[in-house]
Amino acid sequence: MTFKAFAPTRRQALHLAVGAFAAALAPNLVAASEAQVADELKKLFGGKSMAEGKVKLDLPEIAENGLVVPLNLEVESPMTDADYVKAVHVFADGNPLPQVVTYHFTPAAGRASASTRMRLAQTQNVIAVAEMSDGKLYSAKAQVKVTIGGCGG
């Protein structure tokens, strides 16, 4: 019996590489926890306190499909050179990566609002934190109940 050396085709090599990459990522694809979101917030803002208010977070209470959950947010601000929203950070405490998106604003924006669609893996909290030009932080939190997960669940 003779053995032939394995010489994969380019397609087979690509499949092997993708499989190895997916296997390396698999341990990290578990849901984040509220503690991980708190850690991310601490990395971004240190120990600064966050006040509720000024941030309006519009999400459905129940998302039948976690693949396309609409998100609308707006921050109450005059958007002048002296008083404006610098950034809004959005987190989801049940997704593999808790930080979903960050929007950056300038006074030229005129209004601090944004809309998007996001994936949610499971029922979880969505948190938006507005970073103001004077350094103050405002937040809003909403729970979305997901019936069919959007991240493979």
Protein backbone atom coordinates (compact mmCIF):
# COMPACT_ATOMS: atom_id res chain seq x y z
CA MET A 1 0.00 0.00 0.00
CA THR A 2 1.43 3.36 -0.97
CA PHE A 3 0.56 6.66 0.59
CA LYS A 4 0.05 9.73 -1.47
CA ALA A 5 0.96 13.11 0.00
CA PHE A 6 -2.01 15.41 0.57
CA ALA A 7 -1.81 18.34 -1.81
CA PRO A 8 -5.00 20.36 -1.36
CA THR A 9 -6.48 22.40 -4.14
CA ARG A 10 -6.76 26.13 -3.64
CA ARG A 11 -10.44 25.74 -2.76
CA GLN A 12 -9.71 23.02 -0.18
CA ALA A 13 -6.96 25.16 1.36
CA LEU A 14 -9.36 28.09 1.63
CA HIS A 15 -11.99 25.89 3.32
CA LEU A 16 -9.37 24.64 5.78
CA ALA A 17 -8.25 28.20 6.57
CA VAL A 18 -11.82 29.43 7.11
CA GLY A 19 -12.57 26.43 9.32
CA ALA A 20 -9.46 27.06 11.43
CA PHE A 21 -10.36 30.75 11.76
CA ALA A 22 -13.92 29.91 12.81
CA ALA A 23 -12.65 27.39 15.36
CA ALA A 24 -10.33 30.01 16.83
CA LEU A 25 -13.21 32.49 17.14
CA ALA A 26 -15.79 30.05 18.50
CA PRO A 27 -14.85 30.41 22.19
CA ASN A 28 -15.37 34.18 21.91
CA LEU A 29 -18.83 33.92 20.34
CA VAL A 30 -20.75 33.59 23.57
CA ALA A 31 -23.08 36.26 24.84
CA ALA A 32 -21.58 39.20 26.69
CA SER A 33 -22.78 39.86 30.20
CA GLU A 34 -23.89 42.99 32.01
CA ALA A 35 -20.50 42.91 33.75
CA GLN A 36 -18.70 42.98 30.38
CA VAL A 37 -20.77 45.99 29.33
CA ALA A 38 -19.86 47.67 32.63
CA ASP A 39 -16.18 46.90 31.91
CA GLU A 40 -16.49 48.44 28.42
CA LEU A 41 -18.11 51.55 29.90
CA LYS A 42 -15.35 51.78 32.50
CA LYS A 43 -12.70 51.54 29.75
CA LEU A 44 -14.37 54.36 27.82
CA PHE A 45 -15.35 56.68 30.66
CA GLY A 46 -13.44 55.65 33.77
CA GLY A 47 -15.54 56.14 36.87
CA LYS A 48 -17.67 59.00 35.53
CA SER A 49 -21.27 58.91 36.62
CA MET A 50 -24.08 58.75 34.08
CA ALA A 51 -27.37 60.55 34.46
CA GLU A 52 -30.59 59.33 32.93
CA GLY A 53 -32.40 61.61 30.56
CA LYS A 54 -31.65 63.54 27.37
CA VAL A 55 -31.27 60.26 25.45
CA LYS A 56 -34.34 58.88 23.69
CA LEU A 57 -33.92 55.26 22.63
CA ASP A 58 -36.60 53.90 20.30
CA LEU A 59 -36.56 50.09 19.97
CA PRO A 60 -39.32 47.51 19.63
CA GLU A 61 -40.26 45.77 22.88
CA ILE A 62 -40.50 42.47 20.99
CA ALA A 63 -38.36 41.64 17.95
CA GLU A 64 -39.71 38.64 16.09
CA ASN A 65 -36.43 38.31 14.21
CA GLY A 66 -33.15 39.33 15.84
CA LEU A 67 -31.48 39.73 12.43
CA VAL A 68 -33.06 43.13 11.79
CA VAL A 69 -33.96 45.09 14.89
CA PRO A 70 -34.58 48.78 14.13
CA LEU A 71 -32.86 51.28 16.43
CA ASN A 72 -33.58 55.01 16.50
CA LEU A 73 -31.91 57.33 18.95
CA GLU A 74 -31.98 61.03 19.63
CA VAL A 75 -30.19 63.17 22.19
CA GLU A 76 -31.68 66.41 23.45
CA SER A 77 -29.04 69.09 22.78
CA PRO A 78 -28.89 72.59 21.27
CA MET A 79 -25.93 71.42 19.11
CA THR A 80 -24.11 74.74 19.37
CA ASP A 81 -20.33 75.24 19.49
CA ALA A 82 -20.57 75.58 23.28
CA ASP A 83 -22.99 72.69 23.96
CA TYR A 84 -23.24 69.64 21.72
CA VAL A 85 -23.20 65.85 21.67
CA LYS A 86 -19.73 64.50 20.89
CA ALA A 87 -20.66 60.82 20.59
CA VAL A 88 -23.31 58.24 21.33
CA HIS A 89 -22.17 54.69 22.16
CA VAL A 90 -24.63 51.79 21.89
CA PHE A 91 -24.15 48.52 23.78
CA ALA A 92 -26.09 45.24 23.85
CA ASP A 93 -25.42 43.03 26.85
CA GLY A 94 -26.37 39.74 25.21
CA ASN A 95 -24.36 39.91 21.99
CA PRO A 96 -20.94 38.33 21.51
CA LEU A 97 -19.37 41.81 21.24
CA PRO A 98 -21.14 44.23 23.59
CA GLN A 99 -20.31 47.50 21.78
CA VAL A 100 -22.66 47.65 18.80
CA VAL A 101 -22.00 51.07 17.27
CA THR A 102 -20.63 54.54 18.04
CA TYR A 103 -21.93 57.69 16.37
CA HIS A 104 -19.80 60.86 16.38
CA PHE A 105 -21.41 64.28 16.08
CA THR A 106 -20.32 67.90 15.68
CA PRO A 107 -22.32 71.13 16.06
CA ALA A 108 -22.63 71.15 12.26
CA ALA A 109 -24.91 68.10 12.50
CA GLY A 110 -27.71 70.34 13.81
CA ARG A 111 -29.37 67.39 15.53
CA ALA A 112 -27.95 64.42 17.40
CA SER A 113 -29.99 61.56 16.02
CA ALA A 114 -29.32 58.33 14.18
CA SER A 115 -31.14 55.27 12.87
CA THR A 116 -29.88 51.83 12.03
CA ARG A 117 -30.74 48.16 12.18
CA MET A 118 -28.78 45.77 14.34
CA ARG A 119 -28.57 42.09 15.13
CA LEU A 120 -29.50 40.85 18.56
CA ALA A 121 -28.61 37.30 19.55
CA GLN A 122 -31.22 36.94 22.30
CA THR A 123 -33.46 38.90 24.65
CA GLN A 124 -31.25 41.59 26.14
CA ASN A 125 -30.76 45.17 27.23
CA VAL A 126 -29.66 47.84 24.78
CA ILE A 127 -27.87 50.77 26.39
CA ALA A 128 -27.09 54.11 24.75
CA VAL A 129 -24.60 56.52 26.36
CA ALA A 130 -24.34 60.10 25.11
CA GLU A 131 -21.04 61.87 25.66
CA MET A 132 -21.53 65.64 25.77
CA SER A 133 -19.00 68.34 24.87
CA ASP A 134 -18.77 69.41 28.54
CA GLY A 135 -17.84 65.85 29.58
CA LYS A 136 -21.21 64.92 31.07
CA LEU A 137 -22.69 61.49 30.31
CA TYR A 138 -26.35 60.63 29.80
CA SER A 139 -27.79 57.19 29.24
CA ALA A 140 -30.93 55.29 28.32
CA LYS A 141 -31.67 51.59 28.54
CA ALA A 142 -34.33 49.42 26.88
CA GLN A 143 -34.97 45.70 26.90
CA VAL A 144 -35.75 43.94 23.63
CA LYS A 145 -37.33 40.49 23.73
CA VAL A 146 -36.02 38.48 20.76
CA THR A 147 -38.07 35.49 19.63
CA ILE A 148 -35.65 34.26 16.88
CA GLY A 149 -31.99 35.08 17.53
CA GLY A 150 -30.05 36.99 14.91
CA CYS A 151 -26.57 35.70 15.70
CA GLY A 152 -27.03 32.02 15.07
CA GLY A 153 -29.48 31.36 17.92
